[in-house]
Amino acid sequence: MHFIGHHEYFTIQDDFMGCEMAAEEKALEPWRVRLKAEIDARGISYTKLSKDIGGHDAYVSRTLQGKTEPSMNTVLMIMEAAGIDPAAIFMPKTPSEKAQKVLDAAAELDDEEAQLVVRLLDSTNPK
């Protein structure tokens, strides 16, 4: 099935994926988890959002469950219809494990060491 103006295609397999569960379910991508949380926090109906973007009634629900692979444009349309800032979804609020290690190490630096690190970073990022 193809919706005019959208780049999502659904196959028979997609339509029946909910009927047969795989032995192991794949973890949802973080953006789906954050988008669902933002939509739920606003109390917006998935069906209403689906209709607002021109999809079938269950489209947003299936997208949030990982049953469809929407285009970036469609994800942005969902966010716009729900009044959600894309930065809230695609930019994690907590640092990665590596970044946290760097932050923890930086917290242990004395002033002279911190200034040295800042100079080093400035030299690698010309403005």
PDB file of N, CA and C in Angstrom:
ATOM      1  N   MET A   1       0.855  -1.168   0.000  1.00  0.00           N
ATOM      2  CA  MET A   1       0.000   0.000   0.000  1.00  0.00           C
ATOM      3  C   MET A   1       0.900   1.230   0.000  1.00  0.00           C
ATOM      4  N   HIS A   2       0.563   2.242  -0.765  1.00  0.00           N
ATOM      5  CA  HIS A   2       1.361   3.463  -0.856  1.00  0.00           C
ATOM      6  C   HIS A   2       0.457   4.654  -0.615  1.00  0.00           C
ATOM      7  N   PHE A   3       0.873   5.554   0.238  1.00  0.00           N
ATOM      8  CA  PHE A   3       0.112   6.772   0.490  1.00  0.00           C
ATOM      9  C   PHE A   3       0.691   7.882  -0.354  1.00  0.00           C
ATOM     10  N   ILE A   4      -0.139   8.619  -1.012  1.00  0.00           N
ATOM     11  CA  ILE A   4       0.306   9.734  -1.842  1.00  0.00           C
ATOM     12  C   ILE A   4       1.010  10.755  -0.968  1.00  0.00           C
ATOM     13  N   GLY A   5       2.195  11.183  -1.418  1.00  0.00           N
ATOM     14  CA  GLY A   5       2.942  12.190  -0.683  1.00  0.00           C
ATOM     15  C   GLY A   5       3.833  11.608   0.398  1.00  0.00           C
ATOM     16  N   HIS A   6       3.799  10.305   0.594  1.00  0.00           N
ATOM     17  CA  HIS A   6       4.623   9.659   1.599  1.00  0.00           C
ATOM     18  C   HIS A   6       5.526   8.640   0.917  1.00  0.00           C
ATOM     19  N   HIS A   7       6.574   8.260   1.590  1.00  0.00           N
ATOM     20  CA  HIS A   7       7.513   7.317   1.013  1.00  0.00           C
ATOM     21  C   HIS A   7       7.500   5.986   1.737  1.00  0.00           C
ATOM     22  N   GLU A   8       6.451   5.697   2.469  1.00  0.00           N
ATOM     23  CA  GLU A   8       6.368   4.447   3.193  1.00  0.00           C
ATOM     24  C   GLU A   8       5.601   3.436   2.361  1.00  0.00           C
ATOM     25  N   TYR A   9       6.092   2.233   2.330  1.00  0.00           N
ATOM     26  CA  TYR A   9       5.411   1.153   1.638  1.00  0.00           C
ATOM     27  C   TYR A   9       5.160   0.053   2.658  1.00  0.00           C
ATOM     28  N   PHE A  10       3.981  -0.533   2.609  1.00  0.00           N
ATOM     29  CA  PHE A  10       3.640  -1.602   3.521  1.00  0.00           C
ATOM     30  C   PHE A  10       3.413  -2.862   2.718  1.00  0.00           C
ATOM     31  N   THR A  11       3.925  -3.947   3.203  1.00  0.00           N
ATOM     32  CA  THR A  11       3.745  -5.218   2.521  1.00  0.00           C
ATOM     33  C   THR A  11       2.783  -6.074   3.329  1.00  0.00           C
ATOM     34  N   ILE A  12       2.406  -7.195   2.752  1.00  0.00           N
ATOM     35  CA  ILE A  12       1.548  -8.140   3.470  1.00  0.00           C
ATOM     36  C   ILE A  12       2.240  -8.547   4.768  1.00  0.00           C
ATOM     37  N   GLN A  13       3.551  -8.748   4.710  1.00  0.00           N
ATOM     38  CA  GLN A  13       4.292  -9.131   5.913  1.00  0.00           C
ATOM     39  C   GLN A  13       4.117  -8.075   6.997  1.00  0.00           C
ATOM     40  N   ASP A  14       4.197  -6.781   6.634  1.00  0.00           N
ATOM     41  CA  ASP A  14       4.006  -5.718   7.606  1.00  0.00           C
ATOM     42  C   ASP A  14       2.635  -5.815   8.262  1.00  0.00           C
ATOM     43  N   ASP A  15       1.608  -6.126   7.461  1.00  0.00           N
ATOM     44  CA  ASP A  15       0.252  -6.168   7.976  1.00  0.00           C
ATOM     45  C   ASP A  15       0.056  -7.289   8.994  1.00  0.00           C
ATOM     46  N   PHE A  16       0.837  -8.353   8.892  1.00  0.00           N
ATOM     47  CA  PHE A  16       0.657  -9.492   9.783  1.00  0.00           C
ATOM     48  C   PHE A  16       1.760  -9.634  10.822  1.00  0.00           C
ATOM     49  N   MET A  17       2.679  -8.680  10.880  1.00  0.00           N
ATOM     50  CA  MET A  17       3.775  -8.785  11.836  1.00  0.00           C
ATOM     51  C   MET A  17       3.280  -8.864  13.267  1.00  0.00           C
ATOM     52  N   GLY A  18       2.185  -8.176  13.583  1.00  0.00           N
ATOM     53  CA  GLY A  18       1.674  -8.196  14.943  1.00  0.00           C
ATOM     54  C   GLY A  18       1.091  -9.548  15.333  1.00  0.00           C
ATOM     55  N   CYS A  19       0.767 -10.378  14.346  1.00  0.00           N
ATOM     56  CA  CYS A  19       0.146 -11.672  14.637  1.00  0.00           C
ATOM     57  C   CYS A  19       1.165 -12.732  15.039  1.00  0.00           C
ATOM     58  N   GLU A  20       2.381 -12.627  14.539  1.00  0.00           N
ATOM     59  CA  GLU A  20       3.405 -13.607  14.850  1.00  0.00           C
ATOM     60  C   GLU A  20       4.591 -12.894  15.471  1.00  0.00           C
ATOM     61  N   MET A  21       4.887 -13.212  16.708  1.00  0.00           N
ATOM     62  CA  MET A  21       6.017 -12.590  17.380  1.00  0.00           C
ATOM     63  C   MET A  21       7.271 -13.401  17.117  1.00  0.00           C
ATOM     64  N   ALA A  22       8.340 -12.722  16.803  1.00  0.00           N
ATOM     65  CA  ALA A  22       9.617 -13.388  16.613  1.00  0.00           C
ATOM     66  C   ALA A  22      10.098 -13.913  17.960  1.00  0.00           C
ATOM     67  N   ALA A  23      10.989 -14.898  17.916  1.00  0.00           N
ATOM     68  CA  ALA A  23      11.517 -15.483  19.147  1.00  0.00           C
ATOM     69  C   ALA A  23      12.156 -14.412  20.013  1.00  0.00           C
ATOM     70  N   GLU A  24      12.855 -13.484  19.388  1.00  0.00           N
ATOM     71  CA  GLU A  24      13.424 -12.378  20.143  1.00  0.00           C
ATOM     72  C   GLU A  24      13.011 -11.070  19.482  1.00  0.00           C
ATOM     73  N   GLU A  25      12.493 -10.150  20.256  1.00  0.00           N
ATOM     74  CA  GLU A  25      12.054  -8.875  19.713  1.00  0.00           C
ATOM     75  C   GLU A  25      13.228  -7.918  19.679  1.00  0.00           C
ATOM     76  N   LYS A  26      13.301  -7.133  18.603  1.00  0.00           N
ATOM     77  CA  LYS A  26      14.375  -6.153  18.529  1.00  0.00           C
ATOM     78  C   LYS A  26      14.048  -4.972  19.438  1.00  0.00           C
ATOM     79  N   ALA A  27      15.092  -4.398  19.990  1.00  0.00           N
ATOM     80  CA  ALA A  27      14.901  -3.230  20.849  1.00  0.00           C
ATOM     81  C   ALA A  27      14.522  -2.040  19.977  1.00  0.00           C
ATOM     82  N   LEU A  28      13.642  -1.218  20.484  1.00  0.00           N
ATOM     83  CA  LEU A  28      13.240  -0.026  19.742  1.00  0.00           C
ATOM     84  C   LEU A  28      14.366   0.988  19.727  1.00  0.00           C
ATOM     85  N   GLU A  29      14.488   1.706  18.639  1.00  0.00           N
ATOM     86  CA  GLU A  29      15.480   2.762  18.551  1.00  0.00           C
ATOM     87  C   GLU A  29      15.132   3.849  19.566  1.00  0.00           C
ATOM     88  N   PRO A  30      16.158   4.509  20.109  1.00  0.00           N
ATOM     89  CA  PRO A  30      15.910   5.553  21.123  1.00  0.00           C
ATOM     90  C   PRO A  30      14.964   6.655  20.646  1.00  0.00           C
ATOM     91  N   TRP A  31      15.022   7.027  19.368  1.00  0.00           N
ATOM     92  CA  TRP A  31      14.151   8.106  18.901  1.00  0.00           C
ATOM     93  C   TRP A  31      12.686   7.708  19.018  1.00  0.00           C
ATOM     94  N   ARG A  32      12.372   6.427  18.791  1.00  0.00           N
ATOM     95  CA  ARG A  32      10.978   5.974  18.906  1.00  0.00           C
ATOM     96  C   ARG A  32      10.513   6.058  20.367  1.00  0.00           C
ATOM     97  N   VAL A  33      11.382   5.633  21.278  1.00  0.00           N
ATOM     98  CA  VAL A  33      11.050   5.655  22.702  1.00  0.00           C
ATOM     99  C   VAL A  33      10.807   7.092  23.158  1.00  0.00           C
ATOM    100  N   ARG A  34      11.702   8.013  22.749  1.00  0.00           N
ATOM    101  CA  ARG A  34      11.554   9.423  23.151  1.00  0.00           C
ATOM    102  C   ARG A  34      10.320  10.054  22.514  1.00  0.00           C
ATOM    103  N   LEU A  35      10.063   9.745  21.241  1.00  0.00           N
ATOM    104  CA  LEU A  35       8.891  10.303  20.561  1.00  0.00           C
ATOM    105  C   LEU A  35       7.608   9.819  21.227  1.00  0.00           C
ATOM    106  N   LYS A  36       7.536   8.532  21.544  1.00  0.00           N
ATOM    107  CA  LYS A  36       6.354   7.995  22.221  1.00  0.00           C
ATOM    108  C   LYS A  36       6.148   8.691  23.563  1.00  0.00           C
ATOM    109  N   ALA A  37       7.223   8.865  24.318  1.00  0.00           N
ATOM    110  CA  ALA A  37       7.119   9.517  25.631  1.00  0.00           C
ATOM    111  C   ALA A  37       6.610  10.948  25.494  1.00  0.00           C
ATOM    112  N   GLU A  38       7.108  11.670  24.492  1.00  0.00           N
ATOM    113  CA  GLU A  38       6.678  13.061  24.275  1.00  0.00           C
ATOM    114  C   GLU A  38       5.210  13.124  23.856  1.00  0.00           C
ATOM    115  N   ILE A  39       4.793  12.230  22.970  1.00  0.00           N
ATOM    116  CA  ILE A  39       3.392  12.209  22.523  1.00  0.00           C
ATOM    117  C   ILE A  39       2.481  11.844  23.695  1.00  0.00           C
ATOM    118  N   ASP A  40       2.880  10.815  24.450  1.00  0.00           N
ATOM    119  CA  ASP A  40       2.076  10.380  25.597  1.00  0.00           C
ATOM    120  C   ASP A  40       1.974  11.482  26.648  1.00  0.00           C
ATOM    121  N   ALA A  41       3.073  12.190  26.883  1.00  0.00           N
ATOM    122  CA  ALA A  41       3.074  13.268  27.877  1.00  0.00           C
ATOM    123  C   ALA A  41       2.095  14.378  27.491  1.00  0.00           C
ATOM    124  N   ARG A  42       1.875  14.552  26.193  1.00  0.00           N
ATOM    125  CA  ARG A  42       0.955  15.578  25.711  1.00  0.00           C
ATOM    126  C   ARG A  42      -0.489  15.072  25.643  1.00  0.00           C
ATOM    127  N   GLY A  43      -0.674  13.769  25.837  1.00  0.00           N
ATOM    128  CA  GLY A  43      -2.028  13.195  25.802  1.00  0.00           C
ATOM    129  C   GLY A  43      -2.654  13.201  24.423  1.00  0.00           C
ATOM    130  N   ILE A  44      -1.823  13.131  23.387  1.00  0.00           N
ATOM    131  CA  ILE A  44      -2.333  13.183  22.012  1.00  0.00           C
ATOM    132  C   ILE A  44      -2.633  11.769  21.525  1.00  0.00           C
ATOM    133  N   SER A  45      -3.755  11.612  20.872  1.00  0.00           N
ATOM    134  CA  SER A  45      -4.172  10.325  20.321  1.00  0.00           C
ATOM    135  C   SER A  45      -3.298   9.951  19.120  1.00  0.00           C
ATOM    136  N   TYR A  46      -2.829   8.704  19.099  1.00  0.00           N
ATOM    137  CA  TYR A  46      -2.045   8.224  17.953  1.00  0.00           C
ATOM    138  C   TYR A  46      -2.904   8.241  16.689  1.00  0.00           C
ATOM    139  N   THR A  47      -4.187   7.908  16.838  1.00  0.00           N
ATOM    140  CA  THR A  47      -5.093   7.902  15.689  1.00  0.00           C
ATOM    141  C   THR A  47      -5.235   9.311  15.117  1.00  0.00           C
ATOM    142  N   LYS A  48      -5.388  10.304  15.995  1.00  0.00           N
ATOM    143  CA  LYS A  48      -5.505  11.687  15.530  1.00  0.00           C
ATOM    144  C   LYS A  48      -4.240  12.106  14.795  1.00  0.00           C
ATOM    145  N   LEU A  49      -3.075  11.800  15.359  1.00  0.00           N
ATOM    146  CA  LEU A  49      -1.818  12.153  14.691  1.00  0.00           C
ATOM    147  C   LEU A  49      -1.714  11.472  13.339  1.00  0.00           C
ATOM    148  N   SER A  50      -2.099  10.204  13.287  1.00  0.00           N
ATOM    149  CA  SER A  50      -2.054   9.461  12.020  1.00  0.00           C
ATOM    150  C   SER A  50      -2.891  10.165  10.961  1.00  0.00           C
ATOM    151  N   LYS A  51      -4.103  10.561  11.352  1.00  0.00           N
ATOM    152  CA  LYS A  51      -4.993  11.247  10.407  1.00  0.00           C
ATOM    153  C   LYS A  51      -4.446  12.622  10.034  1.00  0.00           C
ATOM    154  N   ASP A  52      -3.846  13.327  11.018  1.00  0.00           N
ATOM    155  CA  ASP A  52      -3.294  14.659  10.758  1.00  0.00           C
ATOM    156  C   ASP A  52      -2.189  14.640   9.705  1.00  0.00           C
ATOM    157  N   ILE A  53      -1.448  13.524   9.632  1.00  0.00           N
ATOM    158  CA  ILE A  53      -0.363  13.460   8.645  1.00  0.00           C
ATOM    159  C   ILE A  53      -0.771  12.707   7.384  1.00  0.00           C
ATOM    160  N   GLY A  54      -2.037  12.290   7.315  1.00  0.00           N
ATOM    161  CA  GLY A  54      -2.538  11.632   6.110  1.00  0.00           C
ATOM    162  C   GLY A  54      -2.291  10.141   6.058  1.00  0.00           C
ATOM    163  N   GLY A  55      -2.016   9.524   7.205  1.00  0.00           N
ATOM    164  CA  GLY A  55      -1.788   8.078   7.247  1.00  0.00           C
ATOM    165  C   GLY A  55      -3.037   7.339   7.684  1.00  0.00           C
ATOM    166  N   HIS A  56      -2.956   6.004   7.663  1.00  0.00           N
ATOM    167  CA  HIS A  56      -4.083   5.203   8.151  1.00  0.00           C
ATOM    168  C   HIS A  56      -4.147   5.311   9.671  1.00  0.00           C
ATOM    169  N   ASP A  57      -5.260   4.932  10.260  1.00  0.00           N
ATOM    170  CA  ASP A  57      -5.523   5.148  11.683  1.00  0.00           C
ATOM    171  C   ASP A  57      -4.423   4.657  12.617  1.00  0.00           C
ATOM    172  N   ALA A  58      -3.798   3.538  12.295  1.00  0.00           N
ATOM    173  CA  ALA A  58      -2.815   2.936  13.199  1.00  0.00           C
ATOM    174  C   ALA A  58      -1.371   3.290  12.834  1.00  0.00           C
ATOM    175  N   TYR A  59      -1.172   4.190  11.888  1.00  0.00           N
ATOM    176  CA  TYR A  59       0.180   4.443  11.389  1.00  0.00           C
ATOM    177  C   TYR A  59       1.146   4.902  12.480  1.00  0.00           C
ATOM    178  N   VAL A  60       0.775   5.906  13.265  1.00  0.00           N
ATOM    179  CA  VAL A  60       1.682   6.413  14.305  1.00  0.00           C
ATOM    180  C   VAL A  60       1.935   5.332  15.347  1.00  0.00           C
ATOM    181  N   SER A  61       0.897   4.622  15.746  1.00  0.00           N
ATOM    182  CA  SER A  61       1.059   3.548  16.725  1.00  0.00           C
ATOM    183  C   SER A  61       2.048   2.503  16.211  1.00  0.00           C
ATOM    184  N   ARG A  62       1.886   2.086  14.962  1.00  0.00           N
ATOM    185  CA  ARG A  62       2.779   1.079  14.368  1.00  0.00           C
ATOM    186  C   ARG A  62       4.198   1.618  14.229  1.00  0.00           C
ATOM    187  N   THR A  63       4.324   2.898  13.946  1.00  0.00           N
ATOM    188  CA  THR A  63       5.653   3.510  13.836  1.00  0.00           C
ATOM    189  C   THR A  63       6.348   3.491  15.191  1.00  0.00           C
ATOM    190  N   LEU A  64       5.638   3.877  16.236  1.00  0.00           N
ATOM    191  CA  LEU A  64       6.221   3.910  17.575  1.00  0.00           C
ATOM    192  C   LEU A  64       6.577   2.514  18.074  1.00  0.00           C
ATOM    193  N   GLN A  65       5.881   1.497  17.580  1.00  0.00           N
ATOM    194  CA  GLN A  65       6.160   0.112  17.969  1.00  0.00           C
ATOM    195  C   GLN A  65       7.284  -0.510  17.135  1.00  0.00           C
ATOM    196  N   GLY A  66       7.771   0.222  16.128  1.00  0.00           N
ATOM    197  CA  GLY A  66       8.835  -0.308  15.274  1.00  0.00           C
ATOM    198  C   GLY A  66       8.332  -1.221  14.169  1.00  0.00           C
ATOM    199  N   LYS A  67       7.042  -1.167  13.888  1.00  0.00           N
ATOM    200  CA  LYS A  67       6.462  -2.032  12.859  1.00  0.00           C
ATOM    201  C   LYS A  67       6.501  -1.402  11.476  1.00  0.00           C
ATOM    202  N   THR A  68       6.817  -0.118  11.391  1.00  0.00           N
ATOM    203  CA  THR A  68       6.994   0.554  10.102  1.00  0.00           C
ATOM    204  C   THR A  68       8.306   1.321  10.147  1.00  0.00           C
ATOM    205  N   GLU A  69       8.848   1.585   9.003  1.00  0.00           N
ATOM    206  CA  GLU A  69      10.082   2.360   8.880  1.00  0.00           C
ATOM    207  C   GLU A  69       9.760   3.645   8.113  1.00  0.00           C
ATOM    208  N   PRO A  70       9.378   4.686   8.830  1.00  0.00           N
ATOM    209  CA  PRO A  70       8.970   5.922   8.162  1.00  0.00           C
ATOM    210  C   PRO A  70      10.176   6.680   7.604  1.00  0.00           C
ATOM    211  N   SER A  71       9.913   7.527   6.629  1.00  0.00           N
ATOM    212  CA  SER A  71      10.967   8.420   6.133  1.00  0.00           C
ATOM    213  C   SER A  71      11.206   9.498   7.187  1.00  0.00           C
ATOM    214  N   MET A  72      12.326  10.154   7.106  1.00  0.00           N
ATOM    215  CA  MET A  72      12.624  11.247   8.035  1.00  0.00           C
ATOM    216  C   MET A  72      11.561  12.333   7.897  1.00  0.00           C
ATOM    217  N   ASN A  73      11.125  12.593   6.688  1.00  0.00           N
ATOM    218  CA  ASN A  73      10.095  13.602   6.462  1.00  0.00           C
ATOM    219  C   ASN A  73       8.817  13.260   7.227  1.00  0.00           C
ATOM    220  N   THR A  74       8.433  11.995   7.222  1.00  0.00           N
ATOM    221  CA  THR A  74       7.226  11.588   7.922  1.00  0.00           C
ATOM    222  C   THR A  74       7.396  11.721   9.433  1.00  0.00           C
ATOM    223  N   VAL A  75       8.571  11.353   9.949  1.00  0.00           N
ATOM    224  CA  VAL A  75       8.824  11.507  11.382  1.00  0.00           C
ATOM    225  C   VAL A  75       8.718  12.979  11.761  1.00  0.00           C
ATOM    226  N   LEU A  76       9.278  13.849  10.932  1.00  0.00           N
ATOM    227  CA  LEU A  76       9.194  15.287  11.191  1.00  0.00           C
ATOM    228  C   LEU A  76       7.750  15.783  11.117  1.00  0.00           C
ATOM    229  N   MET A  77       6.956  15.210  10.215  1.00  0.00           N
ATOM    230  CA  MET A  77       5.537  15.572  10.121  1.00  0.00           C
ATOM    231  C   MET A  77       4.797  15.174  11.398  1.00  0.00           C
ATOM    232  N   ILE A  78       5.114  13.996  11.936  1.00  0.00           N
ATOM    233  CA  ILE A  78       4.489  13.551  13.190  1.00  0.00           C
ATOM    234  C   ILE A  78       4.843  14.523  14.310  1.00  0.00           C
ATOM    235  N   MET A  79       6.130  14.879  14.379  1.00  0.00           N
ATOM    236  CA  MET A  79       6.578  15.805  15.429  1.00  0.00           C
ATOM    237  C   MET A  79       5.900  17.159  15.301  1.00  0.00           C
ATOM    238  N   GLU A  80       5.799  17.651  14.070  1.00  0.00           N
ATOM    239  CA  GLU A  80       5.153  18.953  13.853  1.00  0.00           C
ATOM    240  C   GLU A  80       3.691  18.895  14.257  1.00  0.00           C
ATOM    241  N   ALA A  81       3.000  17.838  13.866  1.00  0.00           N
ATOM    242  CA  ALA A  81       1.582  17.701  14.203  1.00  0.00           C
ATOM    243  C   ALA A  81       1.377  17.607  15.718  1.00  0.00           C
ATOM    244  N   ALA A  82       2.364  17.043  16.425  1.00  0.00           N
ATOM    245  CA  ALA A  82       2.262  16.898  17.878  1.00  0.00           C
ATOM    246  C   ALA A  82       2.864  18.077  18.630  1.00  0.00           C
ATOM    247  N   GLY A  83       3.479  19.020  17.905  1.00  0.00           N
ATOM    248  CA  GLY A  83       4.098  20.173  18.554  1.00  0.00           C
ATOM    249  C   GLY A  83       5.368  19.826  19.310  1.00  0.00           C
ATOM    250  N   ILE A  84       6.130  18.884  18.761  1.00  0.00           N
ATOM    251  CA  ILE A  84       7.353  18.408  19.417  1.00  0.00           C
ATOM    252  C   ILE A  84       8.573  18.936  18.679  1.00  0.00           C
ATOM    253  N   ASP A  85       9.517  19.487  19.421  1.00  0.00           N
ATOM    254  CA  ASP A  85      10.775  19.975  18.861  1.00  0.00           C
ATOM    255  C   ASP A  85      11.646  18.777  18.496  1.00  0.00           C
ATOM    256  N   PRO A  86      12.079  18.646  17.234  1.00  0.00           N
ATOM    257  CA  PRO A  86      12.933  17.521  16.835  1.00  0.00           C
ATOM    258  C   PRO A  86      14.191  17.367  17.700  1.00  0.00           C
ATOM    259  N   ALA A  87      14.714  18.461  18.222  1.00  0.00           N
ATOM    260  CA  ALA A  87      15.908  18.377  19.071  1.00  0.00           C
ATOM    261  C   ALA A  87      15.630  17.539  20.311  1.00  0.00           C
ATOM    262  N   ALA A  88      14.411  17.579  20.814  1.00  0.00           N
ATOM    263  CA  ALA A  88      14.053  16.797  22.003  1.00  0.00           C
ATOM    264  C   ALA A  88      14.103  15.296  21.721  1.00  0.00           C
ATOM    265  N   ILE A  89      13.950  14.934  20.464  1.00  0.00           N
ATOM    266  CA  ILE A  89      13.920  13.522  20.091  1.00  0.00           C
ATOM    267  C   ILE A  89      15.289  13.028  19.637  1.00  0.00           C
ATOM    268  N   PHE A  90      15.969  13.822  18.833  1.00  0.00           N
ATOM    269  CA  PHE A  90      17.199  13.350  18.205  1.00  0.00           C
ATOM    270  C   PHE A  90      18.483  13.728  18.935  1.00  0.00           C
ATOM    271  N   MET A  91      18.382  14.605  19.914  1.00  0.00           N
ATOM    272  CA  MET A  91      19.574  14.989  20.665  1.00  0.00           C
ATOM    273  C   MET A  91      19.419  14.495  22.094  1.00  0.00           C
ATOM    274  N   PRO A  92      20.126  13.429  22.438  1.00  0.00           N
ATOM    275  CA  PRO A  92      19.960  12.876  23.785  1.00  0.00           C
ATOM    276  C   PRO A  92      20.311  13.891  24.869  1.00  0.00           C
ATOM    277  N   LYS A  93      19.569  13.843  25.951  1.00  0.00           N
ATOM    278  CA  LYS A  93      19.783  14.779  27.042  1.00  0.00           C
ATOM    279  C   LYS A  93      20.889  14.319  27.976  1.00  0.00           C
ATOM    280  N   THR A  94      21.214  13.060  27.916  1.00  0.00           N
ATOM    281  CA  THR A  94      22.295  12.560  28.756  1.00  0.00           C
ATOM    282  C   THR A  94      23.475  12.199  27.861  1.00  0.00           C
ATOM    283  N   PRO A  95      24.690  12.434  28.347  1.00  0.00           N
ATOM    284  CA  PRO A  95      25.867  12.134  27.525  1.00  0.00           C
ATOM    285  C   PRO A  95      26.048  10.629  27.337  1.00  0.00           C
ATOM    286  N   SER A  96      26.727  10.282  26.247  1.00  0.00           N
ATOM    287  CA  SER A  96      27.051   8.879  26.008  1.00  0.00           C
ATOM    288  C   SER A  96      28.032   8.408  27.081  1.00  0.00           C
ATOM    289  N   GLU A  97      28.250   7.121  27.133  1.00  0.00           N
ATOM    290  CA  GLU A  97      29.168   6.561  28.130  1.00  0.00           C
ATOM    291  C   GLU A  97      30.569   7.149  27.970  1.00  0.00           C
ATOM    292  N   LYS A  98      31.043   7.259  26.714  1.00  0.00           N
ATOM    293  CA  LYS A  98      32.372   7.844  26.462  1.00  0.00           C
ATOM    294  C   LYS A  98      32.416   9.298  26.901  1.00  0.00           C
ATOM    295  N   ALA A  99      31.378  10.055  26.537  1.00  0.00           N
ATOM    296  CA  ALA A  99      31.342  11.470  26.903  1.00  0.00           C
ATOM    297  C   ALA A  99      31.312  11.630  28.423  1.00  0.00           C
ATOM    298  N   GLN A 100      30.588  10.747  29.094  1.00  0.00           N
ATOM    299  CA  GLN A 100      30.522  10.831  30.552  1.00  0.00           C
ATOM    300  C   GLN A 100      31.889  10.564  31.177  1.00  0.00           C
ATOM    301  N   LYS A 101      32.653   9.633  30.603  1.00  0.00           N
ATOM    302  CA  LYS A 101      34.009   9.360  31.098  1.00  0.00           C
ATOM    303  C   LYS A 101      34.889  10.590  30.956  1.00  0.00           C
ATOM    304  N   VAL A 102      34.761  11.279  29.815  1.00  0.00           N
ATOM    305  CA  VAL A 102      35.536  12.504  29.589  1.00  0.00           C
ATOM    306  C   VAL A 102      35.135  13.573  30.605  1.00  0.00           C
ATOM    307  N   LEU A 103      33.830  13.731  30.816  1.00  0.00           N
ATOM    308  CA  LEU A 103      33.358  14.720  31.781  1.00  0.00           C
ATOM    309  C   LEU A 103      33.841  14.400  33.195  1.00  0.00           C
ATOM    310  N   ASP A 104      33.797  13.129  33.563  1.00  0.00           N
ATOM    311  CA  ASP A 104      34.267  12.724  34.889  1.00  0.00           C
ATOM    312  C   ASP A 104      35.758  13.013  35.047  1.00  0.00           C
ATOM    313  N   ALA A 105      36.541  12.701  34.013  1.00  0.00           N
ATOM    314  CA  ALA A 105      37.985  12.964  34.065  1.00  0.00           C
ATOM    315  C   ALA A 105      38.253  14.466  34.122  1.00  0.00           C
ATOM    316  N   ALA A 106      37.476  15.244  33.362  1.00  0.00           N
ATOM    317  CA  ALA A 106      37.667  16.693  33.348  1.00  0.00           C
ATOM    318  C   ALA A 106      37.375  17.299  34.719  1.00  0.00           C
ATOM    319  N   ALA A 107      36.447  16.721  35.435  1.00  0.00           N
ATOM    320  CA  ALA A 107      36.101  17.237  36.759  1.00  0.00           C
ATOM    321  C   ALA A 107      37.250  17.083  37.752  1.00  0.00           C
ATOM    322  N   GLU A 108      38.158  16.179  37.455  1.00  0.00           N
ATOM    323  CA  GLU A 108      39.300  15.924  38.345  1.00  0.00           C
ATOM    324  C   GLU A 108      40.510  16.803  38.027  1.00  0.00           C
ATOM    325  N   LEU A 109      40.464  17.574  36.941  1.00  0.00           N
ATOM    326  CA  LEU A 109      41.599  18.410  36.540  1.00  0.00           C
ATOM    327  C   LEU A 109      41.727  19.634  37.433  1.00  0.00           C
ATOM    328  N   ASP A 110      42.978  20.026  37.691  1.00  0.00           N
ATOM    329  CA  ASP A 110      43.160  21.305  38.383  1.00  0.00           C
ATOM    330  C   ASP A 110      43.080  22.410  37.328  1.00  0.00           C
ATOM    331  N   ASP A 111      43.130  23.674  37.745  1.00  0.00           N
ATOM    332  CA  ASP A 111      42.951  24.795  36.822  1.00  0.00           C
ATOM    333  C   ASP A 111      43.968  24.788  35.687  1.00  0.00           C
ATOM    334  N   GLU A 112      45.223  24.522  36.011  1.00  0.00           N
ATOM    335  CA  GLU A 112      46.272  24.533  34.989  1.00  0.00           C
ATOM    336  C   GLU A 112      46.040  23.423  33.958  1.00  0.00           C
ATOM    337  N   GLU A 113      45.675  22.237  34.423  1.00  0.00           N
ATOM    338  CA  GLU A 113      45.401  21.126  33.503  1.00  0.00           C
ATOM    339  C   GLU A 113      44.171  21.433  32.647  1.00  0.00           C
ATOM    340  N   ALA A 114      43.163  22.018  33.246  1.00  0.00           N
ATOM    341  CA  ALA A 114      41.945  22.361  32.509  1.00  0.00           C
ATOM    342  C   ALA A 114      42.243  23.378  31.414  1.00  0.00           C
ATOM    343  N   GLN A 115      43.069  24.384  31.726  1.00  0.00           N
ATOM    344  CA  GLN A 115      43.433  25.383  30.718  1.00  0.00           C
ATOM    345  C   GLN A 115      44.205  24.739  29.576  1.00  0.00           C
ATOM    346  N   LEU A 116      45.074  23.792  29.885  1.00  0.00           N
ATOM    347  CA  LEU A 116      45.831  23.083  28.860  1.00  0.00           C
ATOM    348  C   LEU A 116      44.885  22.307  27.934  1.00  0.00           C
ATOM    349  N   VAL A 117      43.905  21.626  28.511  1.00  0.00           N
ATOM    350  CA  VAL A 117      42.929  20.879  27.714  1.00  0.00           C
ATOM    351  C   VAL A 117      42.118  21.833  26.832  1.00  0.00           C
ATOM    352  N   VAL A 118      41.692  22.954  27.377  1.00  0.00           N
ATOM    353  CA  VAL A 118      40.935  23.943  26.596  1.00  0.00           C
ATOM    354  C   VAL A 118      41.764  24.442  25.423  1.00  0.00           C
ATOM    355  N   ARG A 119      43.037  24.753  25.655  1.00  0.00           N
ATOM    356  CA  ARG A 119      43.917  25.206  24.558  1.00  0.00           C
ATOM    357  C   ARG A 119      44.063  24.119  23.498  1.00  0.00           C
ATOM    358  N   LEU A 120      44.209  22.878  23.936  1.00  0.00           N
ATOM    359  CA  LEU A 120      44.322  21.760  22.995  1.00  0.00           C
ATOM    360  C   LEU A 120      43.055  21.644  22.152  1.00  0.00           C
ATOM    361  N   LEU A 121      41.905  21.692  22.801  1.00  0.00           N
ATOM    362  CA  LEU A 121      40.633  21.608  22.065  1.00  0.00           C
ATOM    363  C   LEU A 121      40.455  22.779  21.117  1.00  0.00           C
ATOM    364  N   ASP A 122      40.804  23.983  21.566  1.00  0.00           N
ATOM    365  CA  ASP A 122      40.695  25.169  20.706  1.00  0.00           C
ATOM    366  C   ASP A 122      41.574  25.034  19.479  1.00  0.00           C
ATOM    367  N   SER A 123      42.741  24.432  19.636  1.00  0.00           N
ATOM    368  CA  SER A 123      43.663  24.303  18.497  1.00  0.00           C
ATOM    369  C   SER A 123      43.171  23.299  17.461  1.00  0.00           C
ATOM    370  N   THR A 124      42.304  22.360  17.865  1.00  0.00           N
ATOM    371  CA  THR A 124      41.789  21.371  16.921  1.00  0.00           C
ATOM    372  C   THR A 124      40.469  21.804  16.271  1.00  0.00           C
ATOM    373  N   ASN A 125      39.883  22.857  16.792  1.00  0.00           N
ATOM    374  CA  ASN A 125      38.612  23.374  16.265  1.00  0.00           C
ATOM    375  C   ASN A 125      38.765  24.828  15.833  1.00  0.00           C
ATOM    376  N   PRO A 126      39.418  25.052  14.678  1.00  0.00           N
ATOM    377  CA  PRO A 126      39.599  26.434  14.238  1.00  0.00           C
ATOM    378  C   PRO A 126      38.251  27.099  13.943  1.00  0.00           C
ATOM    379  N   LYS A 127      38.169  28.378  14.285  1.00  0.00           N
ATOM    380  CA  LYS A 127      36.904  29.103  14.103  1.00  0.00           C
ATOM    381  C   LYS A 127      36.907  29.961  12.892  1.00  0.00           C
TER     382      LYS A 127
END
